[in-house]
Amino acid sequence: MTDVARVLAGEQRIRYGDEIIRFRVRVQPDRRVPRVAIHVEPDGRVLVDAPGSATSASVLAAVRKRSVWISRHVEAACERRGGLQAREYVSGESLLYLGRRYRLRVVVAPSTPVHAALRGAYLVVTTPQRSAGLIRDGLDAWYRQRAKEVLAHRLEAVAATLRWVRTMPEMRLRNMTVQWGSCSPAGRITLNPMLVKVPRECIDYVLLHELVHLLHHNHSPAFYRTLDRHLPAWPALKQKLDRMVEEVFRS
């Protein structure tokens, strides 16, 4: 671990007027661009990417310099999230699957196990009683099963186009609050089952992003050059995903 990584491990904070800006630092030893990059995630988290040569003082100075920009974007993210109402799990609610909208239809059938199925323009949940918890469980199980099939198929298709992927990496599903996926140092790809709610082209972008990590285990310039070469339109797809985060992860 570099000196700056040790000093700035964990959540950091600075004061901006009456406001506290919280952020996490990701030190990237292979980062060739010497400047510090600051990102505000769709959920309002602030991430700071720093080269290995950075000092804790230079990182803090960069965050202070952009405190106005950070504050404005964090506030916008919070407003977007606050504008969505919690689901009630009643007939008529809008649900996403592969980027398309479907209507929830709840069918109460006593003595019948809860289950969900796609029927035309409706995602139908059959439940033994009108319970939001049971309906949510039925939907979650359906989404997870569809994710298991769809994501495995798309992962195989995307991996087949990449020369450095000689064997299919292990894939697993794990519920994550806002993260779409990750790639472990051992090459195991973990995906959020809620990814199956977004359009196929966005799914392919996330899968490519994680597969590129098999070649570059960081977000170095080489990582982004590889991403650009295989999917030049990835920035637009990332923006599309960012705009969908609040609805996709709404519970």
Protein backbone atom coordinates (compact mmCIF):
# COMPACT_ATOMS: atom_id res chain seq x y z
CA MET A 1 0.00 0.00 0.00
CA THR A 2 1.35 3.43 -0.95
CA ASP A 3 1.80 6.22 1.59
CA VAL A 4 -1.19 8.18 0.30
CA ALA A 5 -3.35 5.02 0.43
CA ARG A 6 -2.40 4.45 4.07
CA VAL A 7 -3.05 8.04 5.07
CA LEU A 8 -6.37 8.30 3.21
CA ALA A 9 -7.72 4.80 3.91
CA GLY A 10 -11.43 4.72 4.72
CA GLU A 11 -13.92 7.57 4.41
CA GLN A 12 -12.46 11.09 4.31
CA ARG A 13 -14.19 14.39 4.87
CA ILE A 14 -13.62 18.10 4.43
CA ARG A 15 -15.75 21.07 5.46
CA TYR A 16 -17.34 23.26 2.79
CA GLY A 17 -19.08 26.15 4.55
CA ASP A 18 -21.70 24.55 6.80
CA GLU A 19 -21.54 21.33 4.79
CA ILE A 20 -19.39 18.22 5.25
CA ILE A 21 -18.18 16.59 2.02
CA ARG A 22 -17.44 12.86 2.49
CA PHE A 23 -15.37 10.95 -0.03
CA ARG A 24 -13.27 7.84 -0.59
CA VAL A 25 -9.90 7.74 -2.31
CA ARG A 26 -8.93 5.06 -4.82
CA VAL A 27 -5.17 5.08 -5.34
CA GLN A 28 -4.16 3.83 -8.78
CA PRO A 29 -0.39 3.15 -8.94
CA ASP A 30 -0.53 2.54 -12.71
CA ARG A 31 -2.42 5.76 -13.43
CA ARG A 32 -0.33 7.71 -15.94
CA VAL A 33 -2.37 10.91 -15.79
CA PRO A 34 -0.85 12.84 -12.86
CA ARG A 35 -3.97 14.74 -11.90
CA VAL A 36 -6.59 13.67 -9.37
CA ALA A 37 -10.00 12.75 -10.85
CA ILE A 38 -13.20 13.28 -8.86
CA HIS A 39 -16.47 11.44 -9.56
CA VAL A 40 -19.92 11.86 -8.02
CA GLU A 41 -21.77 8.54 -8.36
CA PRO A 42 -25.52 8.42 -9.14
CA ASP A 43 -26.26 7.61 -5.47
CA GLY A 44 -24.33 10.69 -4.29
CA ARG A 45 -21.09 8.96 -3.24
CA VAL A 46 -17.91 10.91 -3.98
CA LEU A 47 -14.96 8.89 -5.30
CA VAL A 48 -11.49 10.33 -5.84
CA ASP A 49 -9.02 8.58 -8.16
CA ALA A 50 -5.40 9.48 -7.40
CA PRO A 51 -2.12 8.40 -9.02
CA GLY A 52 0.37 6.53 -6.86
CA SER A 53 2.64 9.58 -6.86
CA ALA A 54 -0.01 11.78 -5.21
CA THR A 55 0.35 13.00 -1.66
CA SER A 56 -2.45 13.26 0.88
CA ALA A 57 -2.05 17.05 0.77
CA SER A 58 -2.47 17.17 -3.03
CA VAL A 59 -5.56 14.95 -2.88
CA LEU A 60 -7.21 17.09 -0.20
CA ALA A 61 -6.30 20.25 -2.11
CA ALA A 62 -7.94 18.87 -5.27
CA VAL A 63 -11.14 18.04 -3.38
CA ARG A 64 -11.25 21.49 -1.77
CA LYS A 65 -10.68 23.16 -5.14
CA ARG A 66 -13.72 21.39 -6.61
CA SER A 67 -15.89 21.56 -3.50
CA VAL A 68 -18.50 23.79 -5.21
CA TRP A 69 -18.81 21.34 -8.13
CA ILE A 70 -18.97 18.35 -5.75
CA SER A 71 -21.62 19.94 -3.54
CA ARG A 72 -23.83 20.80 -6.52
CA HIS A 73 -23.64 17.31 -8.00
CA VAL A 74 -24.22 15.54 -4.67
CA GLU A 75 -27.31 17.70 -4.10
CA ALA A 76 -28.61 16.87 -7.59
CA ALA A 77 -28.13 13.14 -6.96
CA CYS A 78 -30.02 13.35 -3.66
CA GLU A 79 -32.88 15.25 -5.30
CA ARG A 80 -33.21 12.61 -8.00
CA ARG A 81 -33.36 9.82 -5.44
CA GLY A 82 -35.80 11.70 -3.26
CA GLY A 83 -38.20 12.20 -6.15
CA LEU A 84 -39.03 8.48 -6.36
CA GLN A 85 -41.68 7.02 -4.10
CA ALA A 86 -41.23 3.63 -2.47
CA ARG A 87 -43.02 0.78 -4.22
CA GLU A 88 -46.35 -0.38 -2.81
CA TYR A 89 -46.39 -3.65 -4.81
CA VAL A 90 -49.91 -3.20 -6.13
CA SER A 91 -51.40 -3.85 -9.55
CA GLY A 92 -50.61 -1.15 -12.08
CA GLU A 93 -47.11 -0.27 -10.89
CA SER A 94 -44.45 0.02 -13.60
CA LEU A 95 -41.62 -2.53 -13.65
CA LEU A 96 -38.52 -2.80 -15.84
CA TYR A 97 -37.14 -5.86 -17.62
CA LEU A 98 -34.40 -5.62 -20.28
CA GLY A 99 -35.12 -1.91 -20.61
CA ARG A 100 -38.83 -2.34 -21.37
CA ARG A 101 -41.69 -1.34 -19.09
CA TYR A 102 -44.26 -3.82 -17.87
CA ARG A 103 -47.21 -3.44 -15.53
CA LEU A 104 -47.44 -5.36 -12.31
CA ARG A 105 -50.57 -7.50 -11.98
CA VAL A 106 -51.21 -9.11 -8.59
CA VAL A 107 -53.39 -12.25 -8.54
CA VAL A 108 -54.47 -13.59 -5.15
CA ALA A 109 -54.90 -17.38 -5.13
CA PRO A 110 -55.16 -18.92 -1.65
CA SER A 111 -53.02 -22.04 -1.03
CA THR A 112 -50.85 -21.22 -4.08
CA PRO A 113 -47.10 -20.63 -3.61
CA VAL A 114 -45.98 -17.15 -4.60
CA HIS A 115 -44.54 -17.02 -8.09
CA ALA A 116 -44.11 -14.54 -10.95
CA ALA A 117 -44.35 -14.82 -14.74
CA LEU A 118 -44.16 -12.50 -17.72
CA ARG A 119 -47.41 -12.47 -19.68
CA GLY A 120 -47.62 -10.03 -22.56
CA ALA A 121 -47.33 -6.49 -21.21
CA TYR A 122 -47.71 -7.66 -17.59
CA LEU A 123 -45.46 -9.13 -14.94
CA VAL A 124 -47.97 -11.27 -13.05
CA VAL A 125 -47.35 -12.23 -9.45
CA THR A 126 -49.59 -14.93 -8.00
CA THR A 127 -49.67 -14.87 -4.22
CA PRO A 128 -51.66 -16.70 -1.52
CA GLN A 129 -52.44 -13.37 0.14
CA ARG A 130 -52.16 -9.68 -0.67
CA SER A 131 -48.86 -9.05 1.07
CA ALA A 132 -46.27 -6.51 -0.15
CA GLY A 133 -43.51 -8.69 1.31
CA LEU A 134 -44.63 -11.81 -0.53
CA ILE A 135 -45.10 -9.93 -3.81
CA ARG A 136 -41.62 -8.42 -3.49
CA ASP A 137 -40.14 -11.84 -2.77
CA GLY A 138 -41.86 -13.29 -5.83
CA LEU A 139 -40.52 -10.52 -8.05
CA ASP A 140 -37.01 -10.79 -6.61
CA ALA A 141 -36.95 -14.55 -7.25
CA TRP A 142 -38.17 -14.05 -10.82
CA TYR A 143 -35.61 -11.34 -11.56
CA ARG A 144 -32.84 -13.48 -10.10
CA GLN A 145 -33.75 -16.50 -12.22
CA ARG A 146 -33.94 -14.38 -15.37
CA ALA A 147 -30.61 -12.75 -14.48
CA LYS A 148 -28.98 -16.16 -14.04
CA GLU A 149 -29.98 -17.13 -17.57
CA VAL A 150 -29.70 -13.81 -19.43
CA LEU A 151 -26.43 -12.61 -17.89
CA ALA A 152 -24.71 -15.98 -18.37
CA HIS A 153 -25.72 -15.95 -22.05
CA ARG A 154 -24.57 -12.37 -22.62
CA LEU A 155 -21.31 -12.92 -20.71
CA GLU A 156 -20.47 -15.82 -23.01
CA ALA A 157 -21.33 -13.76 -26.09
CA VAL A 158 -19.24 -10.73 -25.05
CA ALA A 159 -16.30 -12.86 -23.86
CA ALA A 160 -16.19 -14.67 -27.22
CA THR A 161 -15.13 -11.41 -28.91
CA LEU A 162 -12.12 -10.81 -26.60
CA ARG A 163 -8.79 -12.45 -27.44
CA TRP A 164 -7.50 -12.39 -23.84
CA VAL A 165 -10.45 -14.41 -22.50
CA ARG A 166 -9.36 -17.99 -23.12
CA THR A 167 -11.62 -19.66 -20.54
CA MET A 168 -14.97 -18.45 -19.31
CA PRO A 169 -14.62 -16.72 -15.95
CA GLU A 170 -16.72 -17.87 -13.02
CA MET A 171 -19.88 -15.80 -12.67
CA ARG A 172 -21.98 -15.32 -9.57
CA LEU A 173 -24.94 -13.12 -8.65
CA ARG A 174 -25.00 -10.96 -5.54
CA ASN A 175 -27.43 -8.25 -4.48
CA MET A 176 -25.60 -4.92 -4.25
CA THR A 177 -27.00 -1.55 -3.28
CA VAL A 178 -25.96 0.44 -6.35
CA GLN A 179 -23.06 -1.43 -7.93
CA TRP A 180 -23.63 -3.23 -11.24
CA GLY A 181 -20.72 -5.64 -11.05
CA SER A 182 -17.15 -6.35 -10.00
CA CYS A 183 -14.19 -8.51 -10.96
CA SER A 184 -12.05 -10.12 -8.26
CA PRO A 185 -8.24 -10.43 -8.52
CA ALA A 186 -8.81 -14.16 -9.10
CA GLY A 187 -10.93 -13.37 -12.16
CA ARG A 188 -14.39 -14.13 -10.75
CA ILE A 189 -17.10 -11.82 -12.04
CA THR A 190 -19.88 -10.83 -9.65
CA LEU A 191 -23.02 -9.28 -11.10
CA ASN A 192 -26.04 -7.61 -9.58
CA PRO A 193 -29.19 -9.53 -10.60
CA MET A 194 -30.98 -6.18 -10.98
CA LEU A 195 -28.81 -5.62 -14.06
CA VAL A 196 -31.40 -7.68 -15.93
CA LYS A 197 -33.75 -4.68 -15.70
CA VAL A 198 -31.66 -2.52 -18.05
CA PRO A 199 -31.39 -2.66 -21.87
CA ARG A 200 -29.21 -5.38 -23.43
CA GLU A 201 -26.67 -2.89 -24.76
CA CYS A 202 -26.16 -1.58 -21.22
CA ILE A 203 -25.77 -5.13 -19.92
CA ASP A 204 -23.11 -5.77 -22.55
CA TYR A 205 -21.25 -2.61 -21.51
CA VAL A 206 -21.13 -3.70 -17.86
CA LEU A 207 -19.96 -7.18 -18.86
CA LEU A 208 -17.26 -5.77 -21.12
CA HIS A 209 -16.13 -3.42 -18.34
CA GLU A 210 -15.64 -6.37 -15.97
CA LEU A 211 -14.00 -8.54 -18.64
CA VAL A 212 -11.49 -5.79 -19.40
CA HIS A 213 -10.52 -6.01 -15.72
CA LEU A 214 -9.18 -9.49 -16.48
CA LEU A 215 -6.56 -7.70 -18.58
CA HIS A 216 -6.16 -4.48 -16.55
CA HIS A 217 -6.93 -4.82 -12.84
CA ASN A 218 -7.51 -1.09 -12.33
CA HIS A 219 -8.97 1.96 -14.06
CA SER A 220 -5.70 2.98 -15.68
CA PRO A 221 -5.44 4.74 -19.07
CA ALA A 222 -4.70 1.32 -20.59
CA PHE A 223 -8.01 0.04 -19.20
CA TYR A 224 -9.94 2.87 -20.85
CA ARG A 225 -8.04 2.53 -24.13
CA THR A 226 -9.10 -1.11 -24.27
CA LEU A 227 -12.68 -0.18 -23.42
CA ASP A 228 -12.66 2.52 -26.13
CA ARG A 229 -11.31 0.09 -28.70
CA HIS A 230 -14.00 -2.52 -28.12
CA LEU A 231 -16.94 -0.23 -27.35
CA PRO A 232 -16.45 3.41 -28.42
CA ALA A 233 -20.00 4.29 -27.32
CA TRP A 234 -19.45 3.19 -23.70
CA PRO A 235 -19.64 6.74 -22.20
CA ALA A 236 -23.19 7.18 -23.54
CA LEU A 237 -24.19 3.75 -22.21
CA LYS A 238 -22.73 4.59 -18.80
CA GLN A 239 -24.75 7.82 -18.73
CA LYS A 240 -27.87 5.86 -19.64
CA LEU A 241 -27.21 3.46 -16.76
CA ASP A 242 -26.56 6.33 -14.36
CA ARG A 243 -29.95 7.82 -15.22
CA MET A 244 -31.64 4.49 -14.45
CA VAL A 245 -29.98 3.78 -11.12
CA GLU A 246 -32.63 5.29 -8.86
CA GLU A 247 -35.52 3.45 -10.53
CA VAL A 248 -33.73 0.14 -10.94
CA PHE A 249 -32.74 -0.03 -7.28
CA ARG A 250 -35.98 1.40 -5.92
CA SER A 251 -37.60 -0.93 -3.38
